[in-house]
Amino acid sequence: PAVPFFVANVVPAFVGVSLWRFVVTTFLGIIPGAVVYTSVGAGL
């Protein structure tokens, strides 16, 4: 959670990560945090 989202988007581009790996790991990796905050929103 402590890694800024912008940093997590830019750093992989600077070390040659492929687009496919970036998309897959982003989609799956943000699921836990997204579900938590979406559930908070559902109770607003």
All heavy atoms as atom14 arrays in JSON, in Angstrom:
{
  "sequence": "PAVPFFVANVVPAFVGVSLWRFVVTTFLGIIPGAVVYTSVGAGL",
  "atom14_mask": [
    [1, 1, 1, 1, 1, 1, 1, 0, 0, 0, 0, 0, 0, 0],
    [1, 1, 1, 1, 1, 0, 0, 0, 0, 0, 0, 0, 0, 0],
    [1, 1, 1, 1, 1, 1, 1, 0, 0, 0, 0, 0, 0, 0],
    [1, 1, 1, 1, 1, 1, 1, 0, 0, 0, 0, 0, 0, 0],
    [1, 1, 1, 1, 1, 1, 1, 1, 1, 1, 1, 0, 0, 0],
    [1, 1, 1, 1, 1, 1, 1, 1, 1, 1, 1, 0, 0, 0],
    [1, 1, 1, 1, 1, 1, 1, 0, 0, 0, 0, 0, 0, 0],
    [1, 1, 1, 1, 1, 0, 0, 0, 0, 0, 0, 0, 0, 0],
    [1, 1, 1, 1, 1, 1, 1, 1, 0, 0, 0, 0, 0, 0],
    [1, 1, 1, 1, 1, 1, 1, 0, 0, 0, 0, 0, 0, 0],
    [1, 1, 1, 1, 1, 1, 1, 0, 0, 0, 0, 0, 0, 0],
    [1, 1, 1, 1, 1, 1, 1, 0, 0, 0, 0, 0, 0, 0],
    [1, 1, 1, 1, 1, 0, 0, 0, 0, 0, 0, 0, 0, 0],
    [1, 1, 1, 1, 1, 1, 1, 1, 1, 1, 1, 0, 0, 0],
    [1, 1, 1, 1, 1, 1, 1, 0, 0, 0, 0, 0, 0, 0],
    [1, 1, 1, 1, 0, 0, 0, 0, 0, 0, 0, 0, 0, 0],
    [1, 1, 1, 1, 1, 1, 1, 0, 0, 0, 0, 0, 0, 0],
    [1, 1, 1, 1, 1, 1, 0, 0, 0, 0, 0, 0, 0, 0],
    [1, 1, 1, 1, 1, 1, 1, 1, 0, 0, 0, 0, 0, 0],
    [1, 1, 1, 1, 1, 1, 1, 1, 1, 1, 1, 1, 1, 1],
    [1, 1, 1, 1, 1, 1, 1, 1, 1, 1, 1, 0, 0, 0],
    [1, 1, 1, 1, 1, 1, 1, 1, 1, 1, 1, 0, 0, 0],
    [1, 1, 1, 1, 1, 1, 1, 0, 0, 0, 0, 0, 0, 0],
    [1, 1, 1, 1, 1, 1, 1, 0, 0, 0, 0, 0, 0, 0],
    [1, 1, 1, 1, 1, 1, 1, 0, 0, 0, 0, 0, 0, 0],
    [1, 1, 1, 1, 1, 1, 1, 0, 0, 0, 0, 0, 0, 0],
    [1, 1, 1, 1, 1, 1, 1, 1, 1, 1, 1, 0, 0, 0],
    [1, 1, 1, 1, 1, 1, 1, 1, 0, 0, 0, 0, 0, 0],
    [1, 1, 1, 1, 0, 0, 0, 0, 0, 0, 0, 0, 0, 0],
    [1, 1, 1, 1, 1, 1, 1, 1, 0, 0, 0, 0, 0, 0],
    [1, 1, 1, 1, 1, 1, 1, 1, 0, 0, 0, 0, 0, 0],
    [1, 1, 1, 1, 1, 1, 1, 0, 0, 0, 0, 0, 0, 0],
    [1, 1, 1, 1, 0, 0, 0, 0, 0, 0, 0, 0, 0, 0],
    [1, 1, 1, 1, 1, 0, 0, 0, 0, 0, 0, 0, 0, 0],
    [1, 1, 1, 1, 1, 1, 1, 0, 0, 0, 0, 0, 0, 0],
    [1, 1, 1, 1, 1, 1, 1, 0, 0, 0, 0, 0, 0, 0],
    [1, 1, 1, 1, 1, 1, 1, 1, 1, 1, 1, 1, 0, 0],
    [1, 1, 1, 1, 1, 1, 1, 0, 0, 0, 0, 0, 0, 0],
    [1, 1, 1, 1, 1, 1, 0, 0, 0, 0, 0, 0, 0, 0],
    [1, 1, 1, 1, 1, 1, 1, 0, 0, 0, 0, 0, 0, 0],
    [1, 1, 1, 1, 0, 0, 0, 0, 0, 0, 0, 0, 0, 0],
    [1, 1, 1, 1, 1, 0, 0, 0, 0, 0, 0, 0, 0, 0],
    [1, 1, 1, 1, 0, 0, 0, 0, 0, 0, 0, 0, 0, 0],
    [1, 1, 1, 1, 1, 1, 1, 1, 0, 0, 0, 0, 0, 0]
  ],
  "atom14_positions": [
    [[0.79, -1.23, 0.0], [0.0, 0.0, 0.0], [0.83, 1.28, 0.0], [0.35, 2.32, -0.45], [-0.82, -0.11, 1.31], [-0.82, -1.56, 1.64], [0.49, -2.09, 1.15], [0.0, 0.0, 0.0], [0.0, 0.0, 0.0], [0.0, 0.0, 0.0], [0.0, 0.0, 0.0], [0.0, 0.0, 0.0], [0.0, 0.0, 0.0], [0.0, 0.0, 0.0]],
    [[2.08, 1.2, 0.5], [2.89, 2.41, 0.65], [3.51, 2.87, -0.67], [4.01, 4.0, -0.75], [3.99, 2.18, 1.68], [0.0, 0.0, 0.0], [0.0, 0.0, 0.0], [0.0, 0.0, 0.0], [0.0, 0.0, 0.0], [0.0, 0.0, 0.0], [0.0, 0.0, 0.0], [0.0, 0.0, 0.0], [0.0, 0.0, 0.0], [0.0, 0.0, 0.0]],
    [[3.49, 2.04, -1.72], [4.1, 2.44, -2.99], [3.13, 3.34, -3.77], [2.02, 2.92, -4.09], [4.43, 1.2, -3.86], [5.0, 1.64, -5.21], [5.43, 0.31, -3.13], [0.0, 0.0, 0.0], [0.0, 0.0, 0.0], [0.0, 0.0, 0.0], [0.0, 0.0, 0.0], [0.0, 0.0, 0.0], [0.0, 0.0, 0.0], [0.0, 0.0, 0.0]],
    [[3.52, 4.59, -4.05], [2.63, 5.5, -4.81], [2.25, 4.91, -6.15], [3.09, 4.3, -6.83], [3.48, 6.78, -4.96], [4.48, 6.71, -3.85], [4.78, 5.26, -3.67], [0.0, 0.0, 0.0], [0.0, 0.0, 0.0], [0.0, 0.0, 0.0], [0.0, 0.0, 0.0], [0.0, 0.0, 0.0], [0.0, 0.0, 0.0], [0.0, 0.0, 0.0]],
    [[1.0, 5.1, -6.55], [0.5, 4.49, -7.78], [1.28, 4.99, -9.0], [1.6, 4.23, -9.9], [-0.99, 4.8, -7.94], [-1.7, 3.89, -8.89], [-1.8, 2.53, -8.62], [-2.28, 4.37, -10.05], [-2.46, 1.66, -9.49], [-2.93, 3.52, -10.94], [-3.02, 2.17, -10.64], [0.0, 0.0, 0.0], [0.0, 0.0, 0.0], [0.0, 0.0, 0.0]],
    [[1.61, 6.28, -9.03], [2.34, 6.84, -10.17], [3.72, 6.2, -10.29], [4.17, 5.87, -11.39], [2.48, 8.35, -10.02], [3.22, 9.02, -11.15], [2.58, 9.32, -12.34], [4.57, 9.32, -11.04], [3.25, 9.91, -13.4], [5.26, 9.93, -12.08], [4.59, 10.22, -13.26], [0.0, 0.0, 0.0], [0.0, 0.0, 0.0], [0.0, 0.0, 0.0]],
    [[4.39, 6.02, -9.16], [5.71, 5.39, -9.16], [5.62, 3.97, -9.7], [6.45, 3.53, -10.5], [6.31, 5.4, -7.75], [7.62, 4.6, -7.7], [6.56, 6.83, -7.28], [0.0, 0.0, 0.0], [0.0, 0.0, 0.0], [0.0, 0.0, 0.0], [0.0, 0.0, 0.0], [0.0, 0.0, 0.0], [0.0, 0.0, 0.0], [0.0, 0.0, 0.0]],
    [[4.59, 3.24, -9.26], [4.41, 1.86, -9.72], [4.09, 1.78, -11.2], [4.28, 0.74, -11.83], [3.3, 1.19, -8.91], [0.0, 0.0, 0.0], [0.0, 0.0, 0.0], [0.0, 0.0, 0.0], [0.0, 0.0, 0.0], [0.0, 0.0, 0.0], [0.0, 0.0, 0.0], [0.0, 0.0, 0.0], [0.0, 0.0, 0.0], [0.0, 0.0, 0.0]],
    [[3.62, 2.88, -11.78], [3.33, 2.91, -13.22], [4.55, 3.26, -14.05], [4.71, 2.75, -15.17], [2.23, 3.94, -13.51], [0.9, 3.58, -12.88], [0.62, 2.41, -12.64], [0.1, 4.58, -12.59], [0.0, 0.0, 0.0], [0.0, 0.0, 0.0], [0.0, 0.0, 0.0], [0.0, 0.0, 0.0], [0.0, 0.0, 0.0], [0.0, 0.0, 0.0]],
    [[5.42, 4.11, -13.54], [6.53, 4.64, -14.32], [7.78, 3.78, -14.22], [8.45, 3.53, -15.23], [6.84, 6.09, -13.87], [8.11, 6.59, -14.53], [5.68, 7.01, -14.23], [0.0, 0.0, 0.0], [0.0, 0.0, 0.0], [0.0, 0.0, 0.0], [0.0, 0.0, 0.0], [0.0, 0.0, 0.0], [0.0, 0.0, 0.0], [0.0, 0.0, 0.0]],
    [[8.12, 3.32, -13.01], [9.36, 2.57, -12.81], [9.45, 1.34, -13.72], [10.51, 1.1, -14.33], [9.52, 2.18, -11.33], [10.67, 1.19, -11.16], [9.77, 3.42, -10.47], [0.0, 0.0, 0.0], [0.0, 0.0, 0.0], [0.0, 0.0, 0.0], [0.0, 0.0, 0.0], [0.0, 0.0, 0.0], [0.0, 0.0, 0.0], [0.0, 0.0, 0.0]],
    [[8.38, 0.53, -13.86], [8.5, -0.63, -14.77], [8.86, -0.24, -16.2], [9.54, -1.0, -16.9], [7.11, -1.28, -14.7], [6.59, -0.89, -13.36], [7.09, 0.51, -13.14], [0.0, 0.0, 0.0], [0.0, 0.0, 0.0], [0.0, 0.0, 0.0], [0.0, 0.0, 0.0], [0.0, 0.0, 0.0], [0.0, 0.0, 0.0], [0.0, 0.0, 0.0]],
    [[8.4, 0.92, -16.64], [8.72, 1.37, -18.0], [10.2, 1.67, -18.15], [10.77, 1.51, -19.25], [7.9, 2.62, -18.34], [0.0, 0.0, 0.0], [0.0, 0.0, 0.0], [0.0, 0.0, 0.0], [0.0, 0.0, 0.0], [0.0, 0.0, 0.0], [0.0, 0.0, 0.0], [0.0, 0.0, 0.0], [0.0, 0.0, 0.0], [0.0, 0.0, 0.0]],
    [[10.84, 2.07, -17.08], [12.25, 2.45, -17.13], [13.19, 1.23, -17.07], [14.39, 1.38, -17.31], [12.59, 3.39, -15.99], [11.93, 4.74, -16.11], [11.78, 5.56, -15.01], [11.44, 5.19, -17.33], [11.16, 6.81, -15.12], [10.82, 6.42, -17.46], [10.69, 7.24, -16.36], [0.0, 0.0, 0.0], [0.0, 0.0, 0.0], [0.0, 0.0, 0.0]],
    [[12.67, 0.07, -16.73], [13.53, -1.12, -16.63], [13.16, -2.16, -17.68], [13.58, -3.32, -17.59], [13.47, -1.74, -15.21], [14.07, -0.78, -14.2], [12.04, -2.12, -14.84], [0.0, 0.0, 0.0], [0.0, 0.0, 0.0], [0.0, 0.0, 0.0], [0.0, 0.0, 0.0], [0.0, 0.0, 0.0], [0.0, 0.0, 0.0], [0.0, 0.0, 0.0]],
    [[12.37, -1.78, -18.67], [12.12, -2.66, -19.81], [11.06, -3.72, -19.61], [11.08, -4.75, -20.29], [0.0, 0.0, 0.0], [0.0, 0.0, 0.0], [0.0, 0.0, 0.0], [0.0, 0.0, 0.0], [0.0, 0.0, 0.0], [0.0, 0.0, 0.0], [0.0, 0.0, 0.0], [0.0, 0.0, 0.0], [0.0, 0.0, 0.0], [0.0, 0.0, 0.0]],
    [[10.11, -3.5, -18.71], [9.02, -4.46, -18.51], [8.12, -4.46, -19.75], [7.82, -3.4, -20.31], [8.2, -4.11, -17.26], [6.94, -4.95, -17.17], [9.06, -4.28, -16.01], [0.0, 0.0, 0.0], [0.0, 0.0, 0.0], [0.0, 0.0, 0.0], [0.0, 0.0, 0.0], [0.0, 0.0, 0.0], [0.0, 0.0, 0.0], [0.0, 0.0, 0.0]],
    [[7.67, -5.63, -20.16], [6.79, -5.72, -21.33], [5.4, -5.22, -20.99], [4.97, -5.26, -19.82], [6.7, -7.17, -21.82], [6.0, -7.97, -20.89], [0.0, 0.0, 0.0], [0.0, 0.0, 0.0], [0.0, 0.0, 0.0], [0.0, 0.0, 0.0], [0.0, 0.0, 0.0], [0.0, 0.0, 0.0], [0.0, 0.0, 0.0], [0.0, 0.0, 0.0]],
    [[4.69, -4.75, -22.0], [3.33, -4.23, -21.8], [2.42, -5.31, -21.23], [1.62, -5.05, -20.33], [2.78, -3.71, -23.13], [1.34, -3.17, -23.09], [1.26, -1.95, -22.2], [0.87, -2.83, -24.51], [0.0, 0.0, 0.0], [0.0, 0.0, 0.0], [0.0, 0.0, 0.0], [0.0, 0.0, 0.0], [0.0, 0.0, 0.0], [0.0, 0.0, 0.0]],
    [[2.53, -6.53, -21.75], [1.66, -7.62, -21.3], [1.85, -7.89, -19.81], [0.87, -8.01, -19.06], [1.97, -8.89, -22.1], [1.38, -10.14, -21.54], [2.06, -11.2, -21.01], [-0.01, -10.48, -21.45], [1.19, -12.17, -20.59], [-0.09, -11.76, -20.84], [-1.19, -9.83, -21.81], [-1.31, -12.4, -20.6], [-2.4, -10.47, -21.57], [-2.45, -11.74, -20.98]],
    [[3.1, -7.99, -19.35], [3.34, -8.23, -17.93], [2.82, -7.08, -17.07], [2.27, -7.3, -15.99], [4.83, -8.44, -17.68], [5.36, -9.76, -18.18], [6.78, -10.02, -17.7], [7.27, -11.3, -18.19], [8.42, -11.84, -17.82], [9.21, -11.19, -16.97], [8.79, -13.01, -18.29], [0.0, 0.0, 0.0], [0.0, 0.0, 0.0], [0.0, 0.0, 0.0]],
    [[3.01, -5.88, -17.56], [2.55, -4.72, -16.8], [1.03, -4.76, -16.62], [0.52, -4.54, -15.52], [2.97, -3.43, -17.49], [2.5, -2.19, -16.78], [3.23, -1.67, -15.73], [1.31, -1.56, -17.16], [2.78, -0.53, -15.05], [0.87, -0.44, -16.5], [1.61, 0.08, -15.44], [0.0, 0.0, 0.0], [0.0, 0.0, 0.0], [0.0, 0.0, 0.0]],
    [[0.31, -5.01, -17.7], [-1.16, -5.01, -17.64], [-1.67, -6.11, -16.71], [-2.54, -5.88, -15.86], [-1.76, -5.17, -19.04], [-3.27, -5.37, -18.97], [-1.44, -3.95, -19.9], [0.0, 0.0, 0.0], [0.0, 0.0, 0.0], [0.0, 0.0, 0.0], [0.0, 0.0, 0.0], [0.0, 0.0, 0.0], [0.0, 0.0, 0.0], [0.0, 0.0, 0.0]],
    [[-1.13, -7.32, -16.86], [-1.59, -8.45, -16.05], [-1.33, -8.21, -14.57], [-2.22, -8.4, -13.72], [-0.92, -9.76, -16.51], [-1.22, -10.89, -15.53], [-1.39, -10.13, -17.9], [0.0, 0.0, 0.0], [0.0, 0.0, 0.0], [0.0, 0.0, 0.0], [0.0, 0.0, 0.0], [0.0, 0.0, 0.0], [0.0, 0.0, 0.0], [0.0, 0.0, 0.0]],
    [[-0.11, -7.8, -14.23], [0.22, -7.61, -12.82], [-0.49, -6.4, -12.22], [-0.82, -6.4, -11.03], [1.74, -7.44, -12.63], [2.22, -6.38, -13.47], [2.46, -8.72, -12.98], [0.0, 0.0, 0.0], [0.0, 0.0, 0.0], [0.0, 0.0, 0.0], [0.0, 0.0, 0.0], [0.0, 0.0, 0.0], [0.0, 0.0, 0.0], [0.0, 0.0, 0.0]],
    [[-0.75, -5.39, -13.03], [-1.51, -4.24, -12.53], [-2.94, -4.64, -12.23], [-3.46, -4.37, -11.13], [-1.5, -3.09, -13.56], [-0.16, -2.64, -13.75], [-2.35, -1.92, -13.07], [0.0, 0.0, 0.0], [0.0, 0.0, 0.0], [0.0, 0.0, 0.0], [0.0, 0.0, 0.0], [0.0, 0.0, 0.0], [0.0, 0.0, 0.0], [0.0, 0.0, 0.0]],
    [[-3.59, -5.29, -13.18], [-4.99, -5.68, -12.99], [-5.16, -6.59, -11.77], [-6.02, -6.36, -10.92], [-5.51, -6.38, -14.24], [-6.98, -6.68, -14.2], [-7.9, -5.76, -14.67], [-7.45, -7.89, -13.68], [-9.26, -6.04, -14.62], [-8.81, -8.17, -13.63], [-9.72, -7.25, -14.11], [0.0, 0.0, 0.0], [0.0, 0.0, 0.0], [0.0, 0.0, 0.0]],
    [[-4.31, -7.61, -11.67], [-4.43, -8.55, -10.56], [-3.91, -7.97, -9.25], [-4.49, -8.21, -8.19], [-3.68, -9.85, -10.89], [-4.21, -10.64, -12.09], [-3.33, -11.87, -12.33], [-5.65, -11.04, -11.89], [0.0, 0.0, 0.0], [0.0, 0.0, 0.0], [0.0, 0.0, 0.0], [0.0, 0.0, 0.0], [0.0, 0.0, 0.0], [0.0, 0.0, 0.0]],
    [[-2.84, -7.19, -9.33], [-2.21, -6.68, -8.11], [-3.01, -5.63, -7.38], [-2.9, -5.5, -6.15], [0.0, 0.0, 0.0], [0.0, 0.0, 0.0], [0.0, 0.0, 0.0], [0.0, 0.0, 0.0], [0.0, 0.0, 0.0], [0.0, 0.0, 0.0], [0.0, 0.0, 0.0], [0.0, 0.0, 0.0], [0.0, 0.0, 0.0], [0.0, 0.0, 0.0]],
    [[-3.85, -4.87, -8.1], [-4.62, -3.82, -7.42], [-5.97, -4.32, -6.93], [-6.71, -3.57, -6.28], [-4.84, -2.6, -8.35], [-5.71, -2.97, -9.56], [-3.52, -2.0, -8.78], [-6.04, -1.79, -10.45], [0.0, 0.0, 0.0], [0.0, 0.0, 0.0], [0.0, 0.0, 0.0], [0.0, 0.0, 0.0], [0.0, 0.0, 0.0], [0.0, 0.0, 0.0]],
    [[-6.28, -5.58, -7.18], [-7.59, -6.11, -6.76], [-7.83, -5.99, -5.25], [-8.89, -5.49, -4.84], [-7.75, -7.58, -7.22], [-7.99, -7.63, -8.73], [-8.91, -8.26, -6.49], [-8.08, -9.03, -9.3], [0.0, 0.0, 0.0], [0.0, 0.0, 0.0], [0.0, 0.0, 0.0], [0.0, 0.0, 0.0], [0.0, 0.0, 0.0], [0.0, 0.0, 0.0]],
    [[-6.88, -6.4, -4.37], [-7.17, -6.32, -2.94], [-7.5, -4.9, -2.47], [-8.52, -4.68, -1.8], [-5.87, -6.82, -2.29], [-5.26, -7.71, -3.32], [-5.57, -7.06, -4.63], [0.0, 0.0, 0.0], [0.0, 0.0, 0.0], [0.0, 0.0, 0.0], [0.0, 0.0, 0.0], [0.0, 0.0, 0.0], [0.0, 0.0, 0.0], [0.0, 0.0, 0.0]],
    [[-6.66, -3.92, -2.8], [-6.91, -2.55, -2.37], [-8.17, -1.98, -2.99], [-8.94, -1.28, -2.31], [0.0, 0.0, 0.0], [0.0, 0.0, 0.0], [0.0, 0.0, 0.0], [0.0, 0.0, 0.0], [0.0, 0.0, 0.0], [0.0, 0.0, 0.0], [0.0, 0.0, 0.0], [0.0, 0.0, 0.0], [0.0, 0.0, 0.0], [0.0, 0.0, 0.0]],
    [[-8.41, -2.29, -4.26], [-9.6, -1.76, -4.94], [-10.87, -2.31, -4.32], [-11.85, -1.57, -4.13], [-9.55, -2.1, -6.43], [0.0, 0.0, 0.0], [0.0, 0.0, 0.0], [0.0, 0.0, 0.0], [0.0, 0.0, 0.0], [0.0, 0.0, 0.0], [0.0, 0.0, 0.0], [0.0, 0.0, 0.0], [0.0, 0.0, 0.0], [0.0, 0.0, 0.0]],
    [[-10.88, -3.59, -3.98], [-12.07, -4.19, -3.36], [-12.34, -3.56, -1.99], [-13.5, -3.28, -1.64], [-11.91, -5.72, -3.25], [-13.02, -6.32, -2.4], [-11.92, -6.35, -4.63], [0.0, 0.0, 0.0], [0.0, 0.0, 0.0], [0.0, 0.0, 0.0], [0.0, 0.0, 0.0], [0.0, 0.0, 0.0], [0.0, 0.0, 0.0], [0.0, 0.0, 0.0]],
    [[-11.27, -3.32, -1.23], [-11.44, -2.72, 0.1], [-12.08, -1.34, -0.01], [-13.09, -1.05, 0.64], [-10.08, -2.63, 0.83], [-10.22, -1.76, 2.09], [-9.58, -4.01, 1.19], [0.0, 0.0, 0.0], [0.0, 0.0, 0.0], [0.0, 0.0, 0.0], [0.0, 0.0, 0.0], [0.0, 0.0, 0.0], [0.0, 0.0, 0.0], [0.0, 0.0, 0.0]],
    [[-11.51, -0.47, -0.85], [-12.03, 0.89, -0.96], [-13.39, 0.93, -1.66], [-14.22, 1.79, -1.36], [-11.03, 1.78, -1.69], [-9.89, 2.21, -0.8], [-8.57, 1.87, -1.1], [-10.12, 2.96, 0.35], [-7.51, 2.26, -0.29], [-9.08, 3.34, 1.17], [-7.78, 2.99, 0.86], [-6.75, 3.37, 1.68], [0.0, 0.0, 0.0], [0.0, 0.0, 0.0]],
    [[-13.63, 0.0, -2.59], [-14.94, -0.04, -3.23], [-16.0, -0.44, -2.22], [-17.12, 0.11, -2.23], [-14.94, -1.03, -4.41], [-13.9, -0.69, -5.32], [-16.27, -0.96, -5.16], [0.0, 0.0, 0.0], [0.0, 0.0, 0.0], [0.0, 0.0, 0.0], [0.0, 0.0, 0.0], [0.0, 0.0, 0.0], [0.0, 0.0, 0.0], [0.0, 0.0, 0.0]],
    [[-15.68, -1.36, -1.35], [-16.64, -1.76, -0.31], [-16.92, -0.62, 0.66], [-18.04, -0.47, 1.14], [-16.12, -2.99, 0.45], [-14.93, -2.69, 1.17], [0.0, 0.0, 0.0], [0.0, 0.0, 0.0], [0.0, 0.0, 0.0], [0.0, 0.0, 0.0], [0.0, 0.0, 0.0], [0.0, 0.0, 0.0], [0.0, 0.0, 0.0], [0.0, 0.0, 0.0]],
    [[-15.88, 0.19, 0.93], [-16.11, 1.39, 1.76], [-17.07, 2.32, 1.05], [-18.0, 2.87, 1.65], [-14.77, 2.11, 2.05], [-15.03, 3.46, 2.73], [-13.87, 1.25, 2.93], [0.0, 0.0, 0.0], [0.0, 0.0, 0.0], [0.0, 0.0, 0.0], [0.0, 0.0, 0.0], [0.0, 0.0, 0.0], [0.0, 0.0, 0.0], [0.0, 0.0, 0.0]],
    [[-16.87, 2.51, -0.26], [-17.77, 3.35, -1.03], [-19.19, 2.82, -1.06], [-20.15, 3.6, -1.05], [0.0, 0.0, 0.0], [0.0, 0.0, 0.0], [0.0, 0.0, 0.0], [0.0, 0.0, 0.0], [0.0, 0.0, 0.0], [0.0, 0.0, 0.0], [0.0, 0.0, 0.0], [0.0, 0.0, 0.0], [0.0, 0.0, 0.0], [0.0, 0.0, 0.0]],
    [[-19.33, 1.5, -1.09], [-20.67, 0.9, -1.11], [-21.45, 1.2, 0.16], [-22.69, 1.17, 0.16], [-20.56, -0.61, -1.32], [0.0, 0.0, 0.0], [0.0, 0.0, 0.0], [0.0, 0.0, 0.0], [0.0, 0.0, 0.0], [0.0, 0.0, 0.0], [0.0, 0.0, 0.0], [0.0, 0.0, 0.0], [0.0, 0.0, 0.0], [0.0, 0.0, 0.0]],
    [[-20.74, 1.5, 1.25], [-21.41, 1.81, 2.51], [-21.53, 3.3, 2.78], [-21.87, 3.7, 3.9], [0.0, 0.0, 0.0], [0.0, 0.0, 0.0], [0.0, 0.0, 0.0], [0.0, 0.0, 0.0], [0.0, 0.0, 0.0], [0.0, 0.0, 0.0], [0.0, 0.0, 0.0], [0.0, 0.0, 0.0], [0.0, 0.0, 0.0], [0.0, 0.0, 0.0]],
    [[-21.27, 4.13, 1.76], [-21.3, 5.57, 1.98], [-22.7, 6.1, 2.29], [-22.83, 7.16, 2.91], [-20.74, 6.31, 0.75], [-19.22, 6.32, 0.61], [-18.82, 7.13, -0.62], [-18.56, 6.91, 1.85], [0.0, 0.0, 0.0], [0.0, 0.0, 0.0], [0.0, 0.0, 0.0], [0.0, 0.0, 0.0], [0.0, 0.0, 0.0], [0.0, 0.0, 0.0]]
  ]
}
